[in-house]
Every structure is written in structure tokens, then in C-alpha cells.
C-alpha atoms as a PDB file:
ATOM      1  CA  MET A   1       6.438   4.122 -25.342  1.00  0.00           C
ATOM      2  CA  ILE A   2       6.933   5.012 -21.669  1.00  0.00           C
ATOM      3  CA  HIS A   3      10.380   5.854 -20.274  1.00  0.00           C
ATOM      4  CA  ILE A   4      10.825   4.953 -16.598  1.00  0.00           C
ATOM      5  CA  ASP A   5      13.268   6.708 -14.282  1.00  0.00           C
ATOM      6  CA  ILE A   6      14.178   3.822 -11.980  1.00  0.00           C
ATOM      7  CA  ILE A   7      16.012   4.434  -8.704  1.00  0.00           C
ATOM      8  CA  GLY A   8      19.745   4.111  -9.336  1.00  0.00           C
ATOM      9  CA  PRO A   9      21.586   4.119 -12.634  1.00  0.00           C
ATOM     10  CA  ASP A  10      19.399   1.586 -14.440  1.00  0.00           C
ATOM     11  CA  ASN A  11      16.451   3.159 -16.294  1.00  0.00           C
ATOM     12  CA  GLY A  12      14.164   1.371 -18.733  1.00  0.00           C
ATOM     13  CA  SER A  13      11.320   1.694 -21.193  1.00  0.00           C
ATOM     14  CA  VAL A  14       8.074  -0.179 -21.769  1.00  0.00           C
ATOM     15  CA  ILE A  15       5.304  -0.271 -24.352  1.00  0.00           C
ATOM     16  CA  ILE A  16       1.617  -1.076 -24.007  1.00  0.00           C
ATOM     17  CA  SER A  17       1.613  -4.491 -25.660  1.00  0.00           C
ATOM     18  CA  GLU A  18      -2.021  -5.437 -25.016  1.00  0.00           C
ATOM     19  CA  ILE A  19      -5.151  -3.526 -24.049  1.00  0.00           C
ATOM     20  CA  SER A  20      -8.751  -4.501 -23.304  1.00  0.00           C
ATOM     21  CA  PRO A  21     -11.721  -2.719 -21.681  1.00  0.00           C
ATOM     22  CA  SER A  22     -10.649  -3.926 -18.212  1.00  0.00           C
ATOM     23  CA  ALA A  23      -6.859  -4.392 -18.426  1.00  0.00           C
ATOM     24  CA  PHE A  24      -3.630  -3.434 -20.129  1.00  0.00           C
ATOM     25  CA  THR A  25      -0.202  -5.059 -20.341  1.00  0.00           C
ATOM     26  CA  LEU A  26       3.181  -3.331 -20.302  1.00  0.00           C
ATOM     27  CA  SER A  27       6.195  -5.094 -21.843  1.00  0.00           C
ATOM     28  CA  THR A  28       9.830  -4.119 -21.478  1.00  0.00           C
ATOM     29  CA  ILE A  29      11.816  -3.021 -24.528  1.00  0.00           C
ATOM     30  CA  GLU A  30      15.410  -2.127 -25.276  1.00  0.00           C
ATOM     31  CA  ILE A  31      16.043   1.257 -26.886  1.00  0.00           C
ATOM     32  CA  GLU A  32      19.003   3.588 -27.292  1.00  0.00           C
ATOM     33  CA  LYS A  33      17.680   6.255 -24.879  1.00  0.00           C
ATOM     34  CA  THR A  34      17.325   4.003 -21.809  1.00  0.00           C
ATOM     35  CA  GLY A  35      19.075   0.814 -22.859  1.00  0.00           C
ATOM     36  CA  SER A  36      17.754  -2.452 -21.529  1.00  0.00           C
ATOM     37  CA  HIS A  37      15.160  -2.499 -18.722  1.00  0.00           C
ATOM     38  CA  PRO A  38      16.585  -4.163 -15.552  1.00  0.00           C
ATOM     39  CA  GLU A  39      13.707  -6.686 -15.719  1.00  0.00           C
ATOM     40  CA  ASN A  40      12.739  -8.423 -18.958  1.00  0.00           C
ATOM     41  CA  GLY A  41       9.060  -9.310 -19.134  1.00  0.00           C
ATOM     42  CA  SER A  42       5.463  -8.138 -19.006  1.00  0.00           C
ATOM     43  CA  ARG A  43       3.070  -6.827 -16.334  1.00  0.00           C
ATOM     44  CA  GLU A  44      -0.713  -6.692 -16.547  1.00  0.00           C
ATOM     45  CA  PHE A  45      -2.876  -4.154 -14.666  1.00  0.00           C
ATOM     46  CA  GLY A  46      -6.615  -4.616 -14.531  1.00  0.00           C
ATOM     47  CA  PHE A  47      -9.974  -4.600 -12.785  1.00  0.00           C
ATOM     48  CA  GLU A  48     -12.360  -7.497 -12.148  1.00  0.00           C
ATOM     49  CA  VAL A  49     -15.939  -7.201 -10.879  1.00  0.00           C
ATOM     50  CA  ASN A  50     -16.628  -9.795  -8.168  1.00  0.00           C
ATOM     51  CA  SER A  51     -19.967 -11.599  -7.721  1.00  0.00           C
ATOM     52  CA  ASN A  52     -20.888  -9.187  -4.878  1.00  0.00           C
ATOM     53  CA  GLN A  53     -20.235  -6.243  -7.259  1.00  0.00           C
ATOM     54  CA  SER A  54     -17.056  -5.186  -5.459  1.00  0.00           C
ATOM     55  CA  ILE A  55     -14.133  -4.371  -7.721  1.00  0.00           C
ATOM     56  CA  LEU A  56     -10.722  -6.024  -7.566  1.00  0.00           C
ATOM     57  CA  PHE A  57      -7.729  -4.097  -8.913  1.00  0.00           C
ATOM     58  CA  TYR A  58      -4.800  -6.369  -9.690  1.00  0.00           C
ATOM     59  CA  THR A  59      -1.358  -6.441 -11.173  1.00  0.00           C
ATOM     60  CA  ARG A  60       0.410  -9.610 -12.225  1.00  0.00           C
ATOM     61  CA  GLY A  61       3.589 -10.138 -14.095  1.00  0.00           C
ATOM     62  CA  VAL A  62       6.203 -12.459 -15.460  1.00  0.00           C
ATOM     63  CA  SER A  63       9.786 -11.256 -15.619  1.00  0.00           C
ATOM     64  CA  ARG A  64      13.425 -12.163 -15.184  1.00  0.00           C
ATOM     65  CA  PRO A  65      16.274  -9.962 -13.962  1.00  0.00           C
ATOM     66  CA  ASN A  66      18.381  -8.572 -16.789  1.00  0.00           C
ATOM     67  CA  THR A  67      21.356  -7.500 -14.644  1.00  0.00           C
ATOM     68  CA  ALA A  68      23.186  -8.653 -11.532  1.00  0.00           C
ATOM     69  CA  VAL A  69      21.657  -5.678  -9.687  1.00  0.00           C
ATOM     70  CA  GLY A  70      18.190  -6.849 -10.757  1.00  0.00           C
ATOM     71  CA  LYS A  71      18.750 -10.215  -9.088  1.00  0.00           C
ATOM     72  CA  VAL A  72      18.966  -8.615  -5.638  1.00  0.00           C
ATOM     73  CA  GLY A  73      16.166  -6.098  -6.212  1.00  0.00           C
ATOM     74  CA  GLY A  74      13.248  -8.344  -5.189  1.00  0.00           C
ATOM     75  CA  PRO A  75      12.538  -6.677  -1.829  1.00  0.00           C
ATOM     76  CA  LEU A  76      12.758  -3.189  -3.384  1.00  0.00           C
ATOM     77  CA  GLN A  77      10.393  -4.223  -6.190  1.00  0.00           C
ATOM     78  CA  ARG A  78       7.916  -5.681  -3.701  1.00  0.00           C
ATOM     79  CA  GLN A  79       8.058  -2.441  -1.696  1.00  0.00           C
ATOM     80  CA  THR A  80       7.511  -0.362  -4.850  1.00  0.00           C
ATOM     81  CA  TRP A  81       4.477  -2.383  -6.027  1.00  0.00           C
ATOM     82  CA  THR A  82       3.053  -2.444  -2.500  1.00  0.00           C
ATOM     83  CA  SER A  83       3.380   1.353  -2.261  1.00  0.00           C
ATOM     84  CA  LEU A  84       1.667   1.744  -5.648  1.00  0.00           C
ATOM     85  CA  LEU A  85      -1.317  -0.382  -4.635  1.00  0.00           C
ATOM     86  CA  GLU A  86      -1.594   1.213  -1.185  1.00  0.00           C
ATOM     87  CA  GLY A  87      -1.508   4.656  -2.828  1.00  0.00           C
ATOM     88  CA  LEU A  88      -4.257   3.618  -5.242  1.00  0.00           C
ATOM     89  CA  SER A  89      -6.336   2.383  -2.310  1.00  0.00           C
ATOM     90  CA  LYS A  90      -5.908   5.693  -0.441  1.00  0.00           C
ATOM     91  CA  ALA A  91      -6.748   7.729  -3.554  1.00  0.00           C
ATOM     92  CA  LEU A  92      -9.935   5.725  -4.075  1.00  0.00           C
ATOM     93  CA  GLU A  93     -10.911   6.242  -0.429  1.00  0.00           C
ATOM     94  CA  LEU A  94     -10.498  10.000  -0.850  1.00  0.00           C
ATOM     95  CA  LYS A  95     -12.896   9.818  -3.817  1.00  0.00           C
ATOM     96  CA  GLY A  96     -15.540   8.155  -1.609  1.00  0.00           C
ATOM     97  CA  CYS A  97     -14.914   4.496  -2.395  1.00  0.00           C
ATOM     98  CA  ILE A  98     -15.191   1.969   0.406  1.00  0.00           C
ATOM     99  CA  ILE A  99     -12.095  -0.164   0.803  1.00  0.00           C
ATOM    100  CA  ARG A 100     -12.717  -3.530   2.439  1.00  0.00           C
ATOM    101  CA  PRO A 101     -10.557  -4.151   5.533  1.00  0.00           C
ATOM    102  CA  ALA A 102      -7.707  -6.609   4.899  1.00  0.00           C
ATOM    103  CA  SER A 103      -8.442  -6.577   1.161  1.00  0.00           C
ATOM    104  CA  PHE A 104      -4.847  -5.887   0.200  1.00  0.00           C
ATOM    105  CA  LYS A 105      -2.706  -8.967  -0.360  1.00  0.00           C
ATOM    106  CA  VAL A 106       0.550  -9.847  -2.044  1.00  0.00           C
ATOM    107  CA  ASP A 107       0.775 -13.230  -3.738  1.00  0.00           C
ATOM    108  CA  VAL A 108       4.351 -13.965  -4.758  1.00  0.00           C
ATOM    109  CA  SER A 109       4.798 -17.207  -6.632  1.00  0.00           C
ATOM    110  CA  PRO A 110       8.301 -18.546  -7.178  1.00  0.00           C
END
């Protein structure tokens, strides 16, 4: 169980609901300590090896807002996930990895 201190008054908790050698999935839960997570759903994080042997790190998720505040949080969430992936990219560069130019993209499906 992972407790998340989310900006503002609405905190939440998640569990690792699925794990494989190249990915893991977090799912929101409701517990007494943090209450209900502002988003109900799951998010997968993983790596894929492309045909040219480059590695793709991805995150994909399915969720629905749990509160009225959550319904207006889309831009903040996008900024948070973008910052996470940009930070990962910079950390990998510092370790000597080569990051392909323009390899970062956000695909938001309705």
C-alpha cells in the first residue's frame, strides 16, 4: 500500500494490483487513513524494447474523477505526469543514456 500526499486537501492511497517483468499497475483504494483517492482507477507503468533496441518507458491509465475538484484537475494532472516523465528522462541522461530528440509525447484519449 502506498499513501500519496496530493497537492491540496485530497490525499489518496494505491496498491500494486499487477506486476510483470516489464510493467506494474497501481490501483486506487479507499482506506480510513486517506479516504477515497480523488481519481478512481488504475495506471500502468512499463518499459517496451523497440525493434531498433531502443527502450520506450510508458504510463497509461483509466480513471474517473471521484470528487468535484477532480473534475477540474485535468490540466494539473497532465502537468504532474509530464513533469514525472521529463524528470525520468533527465535522470536517465545523467546516467549516460541517450534520449532521442522529440521522443517525449503525450497521447490523451477522451
